[in-house]
Amino acid sequence: MEEQRIGRMYWALVKRWGVDRWEGLFPRGLRRSSALPLLALVLLVALPSLGYYLHRRGRFSTLKRQIKGEQQSPAAAIARPGGIVPLVLTRTLTLGSDMPEFRSVTMLPGLGMDVLQITASLPERGEVQLLAAATAEDLVSGTMPARTGANDLHGALEVPWGGLLLGRPTPVGTTIRTSWRGDAIEVPLDATERLSSSGGLLAMLSTDTAETATQAQGERALATFHAGDFNQHWLGKTDVSVHVMLGARTLDLTVTAKNIGEQPEPMGIGWHPRFRVPSGDRDGAEVRLPMGEQMELANTATGVPSGRFGVPAAVVQRMQGHAVRLGREGLDVSLVQLKPALLDDGTAAELRDPASHFGLRVLVDSASVQVLRVSSPAGQKYVSFGTQTNLDDPLGREWSAGTGPGITVLEPGQSLQWKMRVELFAIGSP
C-alpha cells in the first residue's frame, strides 16, 4: 500500500514537471492566440525547406559521416583547386546493363569549370578513369604550373580562344602581346620556350554561380561567369555559361559566350581533353577520324600556321573513315573543313580499345567548330581529341590573307556556342 502511494507521488511530480515545461514553451496566452496556427504553419514550411537546402548543399552526407564517426581525409579537406571544392556529378549504373556507362564527371568551379576527370564503368574492368589528368591534390599542392599548354592536364574549357595564340614578348617577361583591329591584347605566357599562350583565360576565373540538378536525361550542372574583360587580358565584356549533362552513355558539354559590352569583340571556345587507353595497350588501340583537310604549318617548332590547308598525311588519310591501329608513332594533326566520314551521321572521331572491348566517340555537335586537333605523342597511352571554334593563332595576319578569318567576331548582344558530345560504346567481345 505504501509503495502505491509513493508511486502516485512520483507520477504527480513527473506530470507537474511536464506541465511546467509546456507552460514555459507555450504560455496560456499564446495557446489562445491566433498566432499559434501561423507559428505551426511557419514550422511546417521552414523544416522541409531547411531539409531541401541541406540536401542541395550536400550536408546530409556530411551529417551521416559524422553520425557514423567517419572523417574526411586531410587530402580531401584541402583539395580545393582555385579555392573551391570540386563539383561532382554522379550516377548509378543501369540495372542489368552489360554496356559501358558513365559514372561521374568532376569539374573545378574555382578554375573555370575545368573538367578534371570523367569515370566510366566497363563490363570487364569495373570503374576506370577516362582522362589522363592531374588530381585535385596535385593542383593545390603547387607541384604543377597553372598553365600547361593546349592539351591541359586539368581539362580546361578554353575561352576567349581555344588552342594556340601567338604574340611578341613584353618587357615584363611573363606575357605576350598581339593586337586586333589596332587594339593591343596582352595575355599570360605559357611555361614553354615558344612565344605562345594556350588554353584561353577562363581557367583563371571562379564561377559566379554553380548549381546541379537531377533530370530525366541525367545529372545536370550549370555554371555562369561574369568574365568581363578576363582580368584586363581581353577586349570587350563577356558573360560565359557552362552546361554539363551526364547520362548513361553520353556526356554533353555546352559553352556559351555572350558579348554584353558596347563594342565588337573576338571570341573563340575550345576543349582539349586527353582520353586514356583503358587497357594501356597503345599499340593495339585504334583511331578513326572524320574527313577534312590538314592545317599546314609555316614553322613546326613554334606551331605558327601558314594560313593554308592541304591534303593530310598518309597515316591520317587511312584513319579518315576507318579504325586504324595507333601504333608506336606519334600523331599530331589539326583537321579543318570537317565533314562526316562515309556512313556517319555526324562529324565524329573515335578511340577504340579492343583489349577492353570499349570505344569512345567524340561528336562535333556545333556548326561553329572549325578545328579538330588530334594528338597522341609517341609512348603516351592517351589520345587527345580537341575541338575549337577558332583557328590556331586566331589573330594572326596569315588568316586575313589566307582562307578567311581565324576567329568569330561577336557584335554587342551576340553569342557564340560550342557543343561537344562524348559517347561510350561496346566493340566486339570474345
Protein backbone atom coordinates (compact mmCIF):
# COMPACT_ATOMS: atom_id res chain seq x y z
CA MET A 1 0.00 0.00 0.00
CA GLU A 2 2.83 2.35 0.90
CA GLU A 3 4.59 1.54 -2.39
CA GLN A 4 1.46 2.51 -4.41
CA ARG A 5 1.21 5.85 -2.56
CA ILE A 6 4.89 6.60 -3.30
CA GLY A 7 4.39 5.64 -6.96
CA ARG A 8 1.43 8.05 -7.28
CA MET A 9 3.51 10.77 -5.69
CA TYR A 10 6.33 10.34 -8.23
CA TRP A 11 3.85 10.25 -11.11
CA ALA A 12 2.34 13.52 -9.90
CA LEU A 13 5.80 15.10 -9.82
CA VAL A 14 6.50 13.96 -13.39
CA LYS A 15 3.18 15.37 -14.63
CA ARG A 16 3.84 18.64 -12.83
CA TRP A 17 7.29 18.90 -14.45
CA GLY A 18 5.75 18.25 -17.88
CA VAL A 19 3.06 20.89 -17.37
CA ASP A 20 5.67 23.43 -16.26
CA ARG A 21 7.75 22.76 -19.40
CA TRP A 22 4.65 23.08 -21.61
CA GLU A 23 3.64 26.33 -19.95
CA GLY A 24 7.17 27.65 -20.40
CA LEU A 25 7.27 26.86 -24.10
CA PHE A 26 3.64 27.70 -24.92
CA PRO A 27 2.06 30.11 -22.37
CA ARG A 28 -1.73 30.14 -22.00
CA GLY A 29 -1.91 33.45 -23.86
CA LEU A 30 -0.04 32.04 -26.84
CA ARG A 31 -2.19 28.89 -26.96
CA ARG A 32 -5.31 31.05 -27.11
CA SER A 33 -3.77 33.48 -29.58
CA SER A 34 -4.49 33.42 -33.32
CA ALA A 35 -0.69 33.46 -33.82
CA LEU A 36 -0.36 29.77 -32.85
CA PRO A 37 -1.71 28.40 -36.17
CA LEU A 38 0.56 30.82 -38.02
CA LEU A 39 3.55 29.57 -35.99
CA ALA A 40 2.66 25.97 -36.79
CA LEU A 41 2.38 26.81 -40.49
CA VAL A 42 5.79 28.52 -40.45
CA LEU A 43 7.34 25.42 -38.85
CA LEU A 44 5.70 23.12 -41.41
CA VAL A 45 7.20 25.21 -44.25
CA ALA A 46 10.56 26.01 -42.65
CA LEU A 47 11.57 22.47 -41.68
CA PRO A 48 11.13 20.91 -45.18
CA SER A 49 12.82 23.98 -46.72
CA LEU A 50 15.79 23.54 -44.39
CA GLY A 51 15.96 19.85 -45.33
CA TYR A 52 15.92 20.70 -49.05
CA TYR A 53 18.65 23.33 -48.57
CA LEU A 54 20.85 20.83 -46.72
CA HIS A 55 20.22 18.26 -49.45
CA ARG A 56 21.24 20.68 -52.23
CA ARG A 57 24.37 21.69 -50.32
CA GLY A 58 25.32 18.06 -49.75
CA ARG A 59 25.17 18.43 -45.97
CA PHE A 60 23.15 15.24 -45.36
CA SER A 61 26.07 13.11 -46.47
CA THR A 62 28.31 15.08 -44.12
CA LEU A 63 25.91 14.55 -41.22
CA LYS A 64 25.73 10.83 -41.99
CA ARG A 65 29.52 10.57 -41.90
CA GLN A 66 29.61 12.40 -38.56
CA ILE A 67 26.94 10.12 -37.08
CA LYS A 68 28.88 7.06 -38.23
CA GLY A 69 32.11 8.55 -36.89
CA GLU A 70 33.62 8.90 -40.36
CA GLN A 71 36.06 11.70 -41.03
CA GLN A 72 37.29 13.14 -44.31
CA SER A 73 40.93 12.54 -45.09
CA PRO A 74 43.28 15.51 -44.81
CA ALA A 75 43.85 15.39 -48.58
CA ALA A 76 40.12 15.64 -49.29
CA ALA A 77 39.82 18.52 -46.85
CA ILE A 78 42.44 20.65 -48.63
CA ALA A 79 41.71 19.66 -52.24
CA ARG A 80 40.13 22.96 -53.28
CA PRO A 81 41.61 23.96 -56.66
CA GLY A 82 41.04 27.67 -57.10
CA GLY A 83 39.78 27.81 -53.51
CA ILE A 84 36.54 25.91 -54.22
CA VAL A 85 35.70 22.24 -53.64
CA PRO A 86 35.32 20.31 -56.95
CA LEU A 87 31.79 19.82 -58.24
CA VAL A 88 30.98 16.16 -58.96
CA LEU A 89 28.06 14.74 -60.93
CA THR A 90 27.48 11.03 -60.25
CA ARG A 91 25.01 8.42 -61.42
CA THR A 92 24.24 4.81 -60.57
CA LEU A 93 24.53 2.02 -63.12
CA THR A 94 21.52 0.88 -65.08
CA LEU A 95 20.17 -2.31 -63.52
CA GLY A 96 21.15 -5.35 -65.57
CA SER A 97 23.20 -3.36 -68.11
CA ASP A 98 26.27 -5.02 -69.65
CA MET A 99 27.29 -1.93 -71.66
CA PRO A 100 29.90 0.76 -70.86
CA GLU A 101 28.29 3.55 -68.81
CA PHE A 102 29.42 6.86 -67.39
CA ARG A 103 29.70 7.02 -63.60
CA SER A 104 30.87 10.55 -62.84
CA VAL A 105 32.33 13.81 -64.07
CA THR A 106 34.38 16.10 -61.81
CA MET A 107 34.65 19.83 -62.55
CA LEU A 108 36.51 22.70 -60.93
CA PRO A 109 34.32 25.77 -60.22
CA GLY A 110 37.40 27.59 -58.92
CA LEU A 111 39.28 27.08 -62.19
CA GLY A 112 36.81 27.93 -64.93
CA MET A 113 34.73 24.70 -64.56
CA ASP A 114 37.66 22.72 -65.98
CA VAL A 115 36.79 19.05 -66.46
CA LEU A 116 39.19 17.37 -64.05
CA GLN A 117 38.11 13.74 -64.52
CA ILE A 118 35.50 11.53 -66.14
CA THR A 119 34.88 7.97 -64.93
CA ALA A 120 33.03 5.10 -66.55
CA SER A 121 32.15 1.51 -65.72
CA LEU A 122 33.40 -1.06 -68.23
CA PRO A 123 31.88 -4.56 -68.01
CA GLU A 124 35.24 -6.33 -67.87
CA ARG A 125 37.29 -3.72 -65.97
CA GLY A 126 34.95 -2.08 -63.50
CA GLU A 127 35.21 1.66 -62.88
CA VAL A 128 38.03 3.39 -64.79
CA GLN A 129 39.25 6.94 -65.27
CA LEU A 130 38.83 8.12 -68.86
CA LEU A 131 41.11 11.17 -68.73
CA ALA A 132 44.87 11.26 -68.38
CA ALA A 133 44.77 14.13 -65.91
CA ALA A 134 46.17 15.57 -62.73
CA THR A 135 44.38 15.11 -59.41
CA ALA A 136 42.81 17.83 -57.31
CA GLU A 137 45.58 17.28 -54.75
CA ASP A 138 48.23 17.93 -57.44
CA LEU A 139 46.59 21.21 -58.37
CA VAL A 140 46.50 22.57 -54.82
CA SER A 141 49.94 21.29 -53.81
CA GLY A 142 51.81 23.61 -56.19
CA THR A 143 53.61 20.69 -57.87
CA MET A 144 52.39 21.68 -61.34
CA PRO A 145 52.12 25.04 -63.14
CA ALA A 146 48.78 26.77 -63.54
CA ARG A 147 49.20 26.83 -67.33
CA THR A 148 50.39 23.66 -69.04
CA GLY A 149 49.72 24.17 -72.75
CA ALA A 150 46.93 23.39 -75.18
CA ASN A 151 46.36 19.79 -74.04
CA ASP A 152 45.81 20.89 -70.49
CA LEU A 153 46.32 18.41 -67.66
CA HIS A 154 43.16 19.59 -65.95
CA GLY A 155 40.80 19.68 -68.94
CA ALA A 156 40.45 23.44 -69.34
CA LEU A 157 37.36 24.79 -71.04
CA GLU A 158 39.02 27.39 -73.24
CA VAL A 159 37.54 30.89 -73.60
CA PRO A 160 38.02 33.52 -75.20
CA TRP A 161 40.08 31.43 -77.61
CA GLY A 162 40.87 27.75 -77.98
CA GLY A 163 44.26 26.22 -78.74
CA LEU A 164 47.29 28.32 -79.60
CA LEU A 165 47.66 32.12 -79.50
CA LEU A 166 50.97 33.64 -80.64
CA GLY A 167 52.45 37.05 -79.91
CA ARG A 168 55.52 39.17 -79.16
CA PRO A 169 57.30 39.23 -75.78
CA THR A 170 56.63 42.11 -73.41
CA PRO A 171 59.23 43.73 -71.10
CA VAL A 172 57.77 42.02 -68.02
CA GLY A 173 58.69 38.62 -69.49
CA THR A 174 55.55 36.81 -68.33
CA THR A 175 53.15 37.95 -71.03
CA ILE A 176 52.96 38.21 -74.81
CA ARG A 177 51.25 40.91 -76.85
CA THR A 178 49.20 40.74 -80.01
CA SER A 179 46.54 43.01 -81.49
CA TRP A 180 43.08 43.00 -83.02
CA ARG A 181 41.77 45.85 -85.19
CA GLY A 182 44.50 48.09 -83.84
CA ASP A 183 43.85 47.39 -80.16
CA ALA A 184 46.56 45.67 -78.09
CA ILE A 185 45.87 42.39 -76.31
CA GLU A 186 48.28 41.13 -73.64
CA VAL A 187 47.89 37.59 -72.26
CA PRO A 188 49.91 35.36 -69.89
CA LEU A 189 52.78 33.42 -71.44
CA ASP A 190 52.81 29.61 -71.26
CA ALA A 191 55.60 27.87 -69.39
CA THR A 192 57.17 26.95 -72.74
CA GLU A 193 60.05 28.16 -74.85
CA ARG A 194 57.88 29.44 -77.70
CA LEU A 195 56.10 32.78 -77.50
CA SER A 196 52.59 31.46 -77.19
CA SER A 197 49.64 31.18 -74.85
CA SER A 198 47.34 28.15 -74.83
CA GLY A 199 44.07 27.18 -73.26
CA GLY A 200 42.32 30.54 -73.04
CA LEU A 201 41.69 32.54 -69.87
CA LEU A 202 38.57 31.02 -68.31
CA ALA A 203 40.61 28.75 -66.03
CA MET A 204 41.86 31.88 -64.25
CA LEU A 205 38.30 32.67 -63.07
CA SER A 206 35.97 31.27 -60.42
CA THR A 207 32.29 30.71 -61.11
CA ASP A 208 29.78 33.36 -60.09
CA THR A 209 27.07 30.71 -59.77
CA ALA A 210 27.11 26.90 -59.95
CA GLU A 211 24.21 24.53 -59.40
CA THR A 212 23.31 20.90 -60.02
CA ALA A 213 20.04 19.10 -60.62
CA THR A 214 18.69 15.66 -61.47
CA GLN A 215 16.62 15.43 -64.64
CA ALA A 216 15.05 12.64 -66.67
CA GLN A 217 18.01 12.72 -69.09
CA GLY A 218 20.61 12.50 -66.33
CA GLU A 219 22.60 14.64 -63.90
CA ARG A 220 23.00 18.30 -64.85
CA ALA A 221 25.36 21.12 -63.86
CA LEU A 222 25.11 24.78 -64.83
CA ALA A 223 27.73 27.45 -64.09
CA THR A 224 27.95 31.11 -65.03
CA PHE A 225 30.83 33.58 -65.19
CA HIS A 226 30.75 37.35 -65.42
CA ALA A 227 34.10 37.24 -67.19
CA GLY A 228 34.14 40.88 -68.28
CA ASP A 229 37.50 41.56 -69.94
CA PHE A 230 39.11 38.47 -68.34
CA ASN A 231 41.08 40.49 -65.79
CA GLN A 232 42.13 43.09 -68.38
CA HIS A 233 43.62 40.46 -70.71
CA TRP A 234 40.96 40.69 -73.45
CA LEU A 235 38.83 43.17 -75.33
CA GLY A 236 35.15 43.73 -74.61
CA LYS A 237 32.84 42.44 -71.90
CA THR A 238 31.70 38.82 -71.81
CA ASP A 239 29.35 36.57 -69.90
CA VAL A 240 30.06 32.82 -70.11
CA SER A 241 27.81 29.89 -69.22
CA VAL A 242 28.79 26.21 -68.96
CA HIS A 243 26.18 23.46 -69.15
CA VAL A 244 27.03 19.79 -68.48
CA MET A 245 24.64 16.83 -68.84
CA LEU A 246 25.74 13.37 -67.68
CA GLY A 247 23.72 10.43 -69.00
CA ALA A 248 24.29 6.68 -69.05
CA ARG A 249 26.23 6.64 -72.32
CA THR A 250 26.50 10.31 -73.28
CA LEU A 251 28.22 13.33 -71.78
CA ASP A 252 27.18 16.67 -73.28
CA LEU A 253 29.13 19.88 -72.73
CA THR A 254 27.92 23.28 -73.92
CA VAL A 255 29.77 26.57 -73.50
CA THR A 256 28.13 29.86 -74.50
CA ALA A 257 29.90 33.22 -74.61
CA LYS A 258 27.84 36.41 -74.96
CA ASN A 259 29.08 39.92 -75.74
CA ILE A 260 27.44 42.14 -73.11
CA GLY A 261 29.56 45.17 -73.99
CA GLU A 262 29.07 48.02 -76.44
CA GLN A 263 31.89 47.13 -78.86
CA PRO A 264 32.64 44.11 -81.09
CA GLU A 265 34.99 41.50 -79.65
CA PRO A 266 36.91 38.46 -80.97
CA MET A 267 35.70 35.22 -79.39
CA GLY A 268 36.69 31.56 -79.55
CA ILE A 269 35.91 28.44 -77.47
CA GLY A 270 37.65 25.06 -77.23
CA TRP A 271 38.45 21.97 -75.17
CA HIS A 272 41.40 19.55 -75.48
CA PRO A 273 40.84 16.53 -73.19
CA ARG A 274 43.28 13.59 -73.08
CA PHE A 275 41.38 10.30 -73.30
CA ARG A 276 43.19 7.30 -71.82
CA VAL A 277 43.52 3.89 -73.42
CA PRO A 278 41.92 1.89 -70.55
CA SER A 279 43.90 -1.30 -71.20
CA GLY A 280 47.20 0.59 -71.56
CA ASP A 281 47.77 -1.16 -74.92
CA ARG A 282 48.70 1.80 -77.10
CA ASP A 283 49.91 -0.36 -80.00
CA GLY A 284 46.56 -2.13 -80.19
CA ALA A 285 44.40 0.97 -79.74
CA GLU A 286 42.61 2.25 -82.84
CA VAL A 287 41.70 5.75 -84.03
CA ARG A 288 39.00 6.73 -86.52
CA LEU A 289 38.74 10.30 -87.83
CA PRO A 290 36.29 12.40 -89.88
CA MET A 291 37.02 13.80 -93.31
CA GLY A 292 38.82 17.12 -93.54
CA GLU A 293 41.94 18.94 -94.69
CA GLN A 294 45.07 19.47 -92.64
CA MET A 295 46.12 22.84 -91.26
CA GLU A 296 49.61 23.46 -92.63
CA LEU A 297 52.39 24.95 -90.50
CA ALA A 298 54.88 27.60 -91.53
CA ASN A 299 57.10 26.63 -88.59
CA THR A 300 56.73 23.24 -86.93
CA ALA A 301 58.90 24.26 -83.96
CA THR A 302 56.69 27.21 -82.96
CA GLY A 303 53.40 25.90 -84.35
CA VAL A 304 52.85 29.02 -86.49
CA PRO A 305 50.23 28.21 -89.16
CA SER A 306 50.93 29.07 -92.78
CA GLY A 307 47.37 30.18 -93.45
CA ARG A 308 46.84 27.31 -95.89
CA PHE A 309 45.06 23.96 -95.77
CA GLY A 310 46.29 20.84 -97.54
CA VAL A 311 45.93 17.11 -98.00
CA PRO A 312 46.51 15.19 -94.74
CA ALA A 313 49.50 12.88 -94.32
CA ALA A 314 49.03 9.29 -95.49
CA VAL A 315 48.61 7.90 -91.96
CA VAL A 316 45.84 10.42 -91.26
CA GLN A 317 44.09 9.65 -94.55
CA ARG A 318 43.97 5.97 -93.60
CA MET A 319 42.21 6.90 -90.35
CA GLN A 320 39.57 9.02 -92.06
CA GLY A 321 36.50 6.82 -92.05
CA HIS A 322 38.40 3.70 -90.91
CA ALA A 323 39.55 2.45 -87.49
CA VAL A 324 43.35 2.13 -87.78
CA ARG A 325 45.81 0.98 -85.12
CA LEU A 326 47.58 3.85 -83.42
CA GLY A 327 50.90 2.01 -83.24
CA ARG A 328 54.08 3.39 -81.76
CA GLU A 329 54.45 6.52 -83.89
CA GLY A 330 53.27 9.87 -82.58
CA LEU A 331 50.19 11.56 -84.02
CA ASP A 332 49.64 15.32 -84.16
CA VAL A 333 47.31 16.85 -86.72
CA SER A 334 44.77 19.68 -86.89
CA LEU A 335 41.90 18.94 -89.26
CA VAL A 336 39.77 21.75 -90.70
CA GLN A 337 36.77 21.99 -93.04
CA LEU A 338 35.38 18.99 -91.21
CA LYS A 339 32.89 16.63 -92.80
CA PRO A 340 31.32 13.33 -91.67
CA ALA A 341 33.02 10.18 -92.90
CA LEU A 342 31.06 7.83 -95.13
CA LEU A 343 28.05 6.25 -93.34
CA ASP A 344 28.48 8.57 -90.32
CA ASP A 345 25.51 10.60 -89.07
CA GLY A 346 27.73 13.44 -87.94
CA THR A 347 31.31 14.66 -87.66
CA ALA A 348 33.00 12.34 -85.18
CA ALA A 349 36.34 10.97 -84.00
CA GLU A 350 36.74 7.64 -82.20
CA LEU A 351 39.18 5.93 -79.87
CA ARG A 352 38.79 2.15 -79.72
CA ASP A 353 40.45 -0.17 -77.23
CA PRO A 354 39.87 -3.76 -78.41
CA ALA A 355 41.59 -5.16 -75.32
CA SER A 356 38.86 -3.56 -73.18
CA HIS A 357 36.04 -4.13 -75.73
CA PHE A 358 35.43 -0.43 -75.36
CA GLY A 359 35.04 2.56 -77.65
CA LEU A 360 34.72 6.30 -77.13
CA ARG A 361 33.30 8.69 -79.71
CA VAL A 362 33.65 12.48 -79.76
CA LEU A 363 30.87 14.19 -81.73
CA VAL A 364 31.31 17.73 -83.03
CA ASP A 365 27.84 18.96 -82.13
CA SER A 366 28.16 22.58 -83.23
CA ALA A 367 28.49 24.26 -86.63
CA SER A 368 30.78 26.86 -85.04
CA VAL A 369 33.62 24.33 -84.56
CA GLN A 370 36.39 24.88 -87.14
CA VAL A 371 39.20 22.63 -85.89
CA LEU A 372 39.61 19.08 -84.63
CA ARG A 373 43.08 18.64 -83.16
CA VAL A 374 44.21 15.03 -82.68
CA SER A 375 47.32 14.46 -80.61
CA SER A 376 49.00 11.36 -79.18
CA PRO A 377 52.73 11.70 -78.53
CA ALA A 378 54.82 8.58 -79.07
CA GLY A 379 54.96 6.42 -75.96
CA GLN A 380 51.88 8.01 -74.35
CA LYS A 381 48.79 5.93 -73.60
CA TYR A 382 46.20 8.56 -74.43
CA VAL A 383 44.68 10.33 -77.42
CA SER A 384 43.59 13.95 -77.28
CA PHE A 385 40.56 14.95 -79.35
CA GLY A 386 40.37 18.75 -79.11
CA THR A 387 37.80 20.97 -80.81
CA GLN A 388 37.99 24.73 -81.36
CA THR A 389 35.72 27.36 -82.86
CA ASN A 390 38.81 29.37 -83.87
CA LEU A 391 41.92 28.52 -85.86
CA ASP A 392 45.33 28.40 -84.18
CA ASP A 393 46.95 31.84 -83.89
CA PRO A 394 43.46 33.26 -84.49
CA LEU A 395 44.55 36.92 -84.50
CA GLY A 396 47.48 36.30 -86.85
CA ARG A 397 47.82 38.02 -90.22
CA GLU A 398 48.07 34.69 -92.04
CA TRP A 399 44.30 34.24 -91.83
CA SER A 400 43.28 37.65 -93.13
CA ALA A 401 45.36 36.99 -96.23
CA GLY A 402 44.58 33.28 -96.47
CA THR A 403 41.47 31.16 -96.05
CA GLY A 404 39.43 33.68 -94.07
CA PRO A 405 39.06 34.99 -90.50
CA GLY A 406 40.64 32.91 -87.80
CA ILE A 407 38.12 33.81 -85.08
CA THR A 408 34.47 34.73 -84.69
CA VAL A 409 33.58 38.38 -84.16
CA LEU A 410 30.73 38.98 -81.73
CA GLU A 411 28.77 42.18 -82.12
CA PRO A 412 27.13 43.63 -78.96
CA GLY A 413 24.40 41.28 -77.78
CA GLN A 414 25.55 38.34 -79.94
CA SER A 415 26.53 34.90 -78.60
CA LEU A 416 28.84 32.07 -79.66
CA GLN A 417 28.04 28.50 -78.70
CA TRP A 418 30.36 25.47 -78.64
CA LYS A 419 28.95 21.97 -78.11
CA MET A 420 30.62 18.61 -77.81
CA ARG A 421 29.25 15.15 -77.03
CA VAL A 422 31.26 12.19 -75.71
CA GLU A 423 29.65 8.79 -76.30
CA LEU A 424 30.57 5.34 -75.00
CA PHE A 425 30.00 2.14 -76.96
CA ALA A 426 30.99 -1.51 -76.83
CA ILE A 427 33.06 -3.24 -79.50
CA GLY A 428 33.29 -6.96 -80.29
CA SER A 429 33.54 -9.09 -77.17
CA PRO A 430 35.05 -12.56 -77.47
